[in-house]
Amino acid sequence: MMYRIEARRADPSTEEGSAFAVFIGSNTSERRRDAVGAVRMFHGAGYWVEIFDDETRELLAGPFDPDLPLPSFIF
C-alpha cells in the first residue's frame, strides 16, 4: 500500500479548507513508519494533516488539527 499524506492550512472538512489554495503539499510513502514521520513533520509545522490510500484515495486517518496533540496511534 502507498500512503499519501496531505497538509493544508485550514480544516479540509470546511469549505475554506477544501479549496486548493490552502493546499500546502504532500508526501507519498510505501512504508508506514515513513508516513507517520511525514504526518508528525507537517503537524509540527502547524498544518492540518490527512492520510489517504494513494491508489483508492480512501481517507485512512485525519484530519488532524494542528492546535491539538496528535493521537498516540495515528493509523
C-alpha atoms as a PDB file:
ATOM      1  CA  MET A   1       0.000   0.000   0.000  1.00  0.00           C
ATOM      2  CA  MET A   2       1.130   3.522  -0.757  1.00  0.00           C
ATOM      3  CA  TYR A   3       0.249   6.174   1.808  1.00  0.00           C
ATOM      4  CA  ARG A   4      -0.368   9.764   0.731  1.00  0.00           C
ATOM      5  CA  ILE A   5      -0.083  12.439   3.398  1.00  0.00           C
ATOM      6  CA  GLU A   6      -1.647  15.806   2.586  1.00  0.00           C
ATOM      7  CA  ALA A   7      -1.096  19.036   4.505  1.00  0.00           C
ATOM      8  CA  ARG A   8      -3.345  22.093   4.410  1.00  0.00           C
ATOM      9  CA  ARG A   9      -3.511  25.476   6.102  1.00  0.00           C
ATOM     10  CA  ALA A  10      -7.169  25.112   7.093  1.00  0.00           C
ATOM     11  CA  ASP A  11      -9.559  22.366   8.128  1.00  0.00           C
ATOM     12  CA  PRO A  12     -10.180  20.332   4.949  1.00  0.00           C
ATOM     13  CA  SER A  13     -13.722  19.489   6.079  1.00  0.00           C
ATOM     14  CA  THR A  14     -14.788  23.138   5.824  1.00  0.00           C
ATOM     15  CA  GLU A  15     -15.483  24.984   2.610  1.00  0.00           C
ATOM     16  CA  GLU A  16     -12.389  27.180   3.013  1.00  0.00           C
ATOM     17  CA  GLY A  17     -10.260  24.182   3.937  1.00  0.00           C
ATOM     18  CA  SER A  18     -11.185  22.234   0.837  1.00  0.00           C
ATOM     19  CA  ALA A  19     -10.063  24.987  -1.530  1.00  0.00           C
ATOM     20  CA  PHE A  20      -6.887  24.146  -3.418  1.00  0.00           C
ATOM     21  CA  ALA A  21      -5.372  27.497  -2.431  1.00  0.00           C
ATOM     22  CA  VAL A  22      -4.804  26.259   1.119  1.00  0.00           C
ATOM     23  CA  PHE A  23      -3.135  23.022  -0.009  1.00  0.00           C
ATOM     24  CA  ILE A  24       0.489  23.039   1.181  1.00  0.00           C
ATOM     25  CA  GLY A  25       1.947  19.804  -0.064  1.00  0.00           C
ATOM     26  CA  SER A  26       2.004  16.065   0.135  1.00  0.00           C
ATOM     27  CA  ASN A  27       4.271  13.135   0.754  1.00  0.00           C
ATOM     28  CA  THR A  28       3.854   9.611  -0.600  1.00  0.00           C
ATOM     29  CA  SER A  29       5.423   6.603   1.054  1.00  0.00           C
ATOM     30  CA  GLU A  30       5.236   2.808   0.917  1.00  0.00           C
ATOM     31  CA  ARG A  31       6.381   2.425   4.497  1.00  0.00           C
ATOM     32  CA  ARG A  32       4.016   3.160   7.365  1.00  0.00           C
ATOM     33  CA  ARG A  33       6.912   4.396   9.513  1.00  0.00           C
ATOM     34  CA  ASP A  34       7.889   6.988   6.897  1.00  0.00           C
ATOM     35  CA  ALA A  35       4.259   8.072   6.510  1.00  0.00           C
ATOM     36  CA  VAL A  36       3.921   8.601  10.263  1.00  0.00           C
ATOM     37  CA  GLY A  37       7.127  10.650  10.203  1.00  0.00           C
ATOM     38  CA  ALA A  38       5.692  12.875   7.469  1.00  0.00           C
ATOM     39  CA  VAL A  39       2.474  13.313   9.459  1.00  0.00           C
ATOM     40  CA  ARG A  40       4.481  14.396  12.507  1.00  0.00           C
ATOM     41  CA  MET A  41       6.571  16.800  10.406  1.00  0.00           C
ATOM     42  CA  PHE A  42       3.561  18.522   8.775  1.00  0.00           C
ATOM     43  CA  HIS A  43       1.564  18.594  12.026  1.00  0.00           C
ATOM     44  CA  GLY A  44       4.546  20.003  13.927  1.00  0.00           C
ATOM     45  CA  ALA A  45       4.824  22.774  11.331  1.00  0.00           C
ATOM     46  CA  GLY A  46       1.229  23.795  12.111  1.00  0.00           C
ATOM     47  CA  TYR A  47      -0.710  22.217   9.230  1.00  0.00           C
ATOM     48  CA  TRP A  48      -3.883  20.167   9.115  1.00  0.00           C
ATOM     49  CA  VAL A  49      -2.926  16.633   8.043  1.00  0.00           C
ATOM     50  CA  GLU A  50      -4.816  13.770   6.383  1.00  0.00           C
ATOM     51  CA  ILE A  51      -3.643  10.282   5.394  1.00  0.00           C
ATOM     52  CA  PHE A  52      -5.013   8.584   2.278  1.00  0.00           C
ATOM     53  CA  ASP A  53      -4.532   5.308   0.435  1.00  0.00           C
ATOM     54  CA  ASP A  54      -2.745   6.662  -2.631  1.00  0.00           C
ATOM     55  CA  GLU A  55      -4.430   4.253  -5.064  1.00  0.00           C
ATOM     56  CA  THR A  56      -8.049   4.429  -3.894  1.00  0.00           C
ATOM     57  CA  ARG A  57      -7.942   7.936  -2.338  1.00  0.00           C
ATOM     58  CA  GLU A  58      -9.686   6.452   0.716  1.00  0.00           C
ATOM     59  CA  LEU A  59      -9.189   8.557   3.836  1.00  0.00           C
ATOM     60  CA  LEU A  60      -7.327   6.401   6.367  1.00  0.00           C
ATOM     61  CA  ALA A  61      -6.858   8.945   9.176  1.00  0.00           C
ATOM     62  CA  GLY A  62      -7.407  12.589   9.964  1.00  0.00           C
ATOM     63  CA  PRO A  63      -7.864  15.380   9.556  1.00  0.00           C
ATOM     64  CA  PHE A  64      -5.580  16.192  12.467  1.00  0.00           C
ATOM     65  CA  ASP A  65      -5.947  19.688  13.932  1.00  0.00           C
ATOM     66  CA  PRO A  66      -2.553  21.372  14.415  1.00  0.00           C
ATOM     67  CA  ASP A  67      -3.844  23.055  17.589  1.00  0.00           C
ATOM     68  CA  LEU A  68      -4.419  19.653  19.222  1.00  0.00           C
ATOM     69  CA  PRO A  69      -1.870  16.969  20.037  1.00  0.00           C
ATOM     70  CA  LEU A  70      -1.568  14.047  17.642  1.00  0.00           C
ATOM     71  CA  PRO A  71      -3.148  10.836  18.902  1.00  0.00           C
ATOM     72  CA  SER A  72      -0.645   8.291  20.224  1.00  0.00           C
ATOM     73  CA  PHE A  73      -1.740   5.864  17.465  1.00  0.00           C
ATOM     74  CA  ILE A  74      -2.095   7.647  14.130  1.00  0.00           C
ATOM     75  CA  PHE A  75      -3.175   4.751  11.862  1.00  0.00           C
END
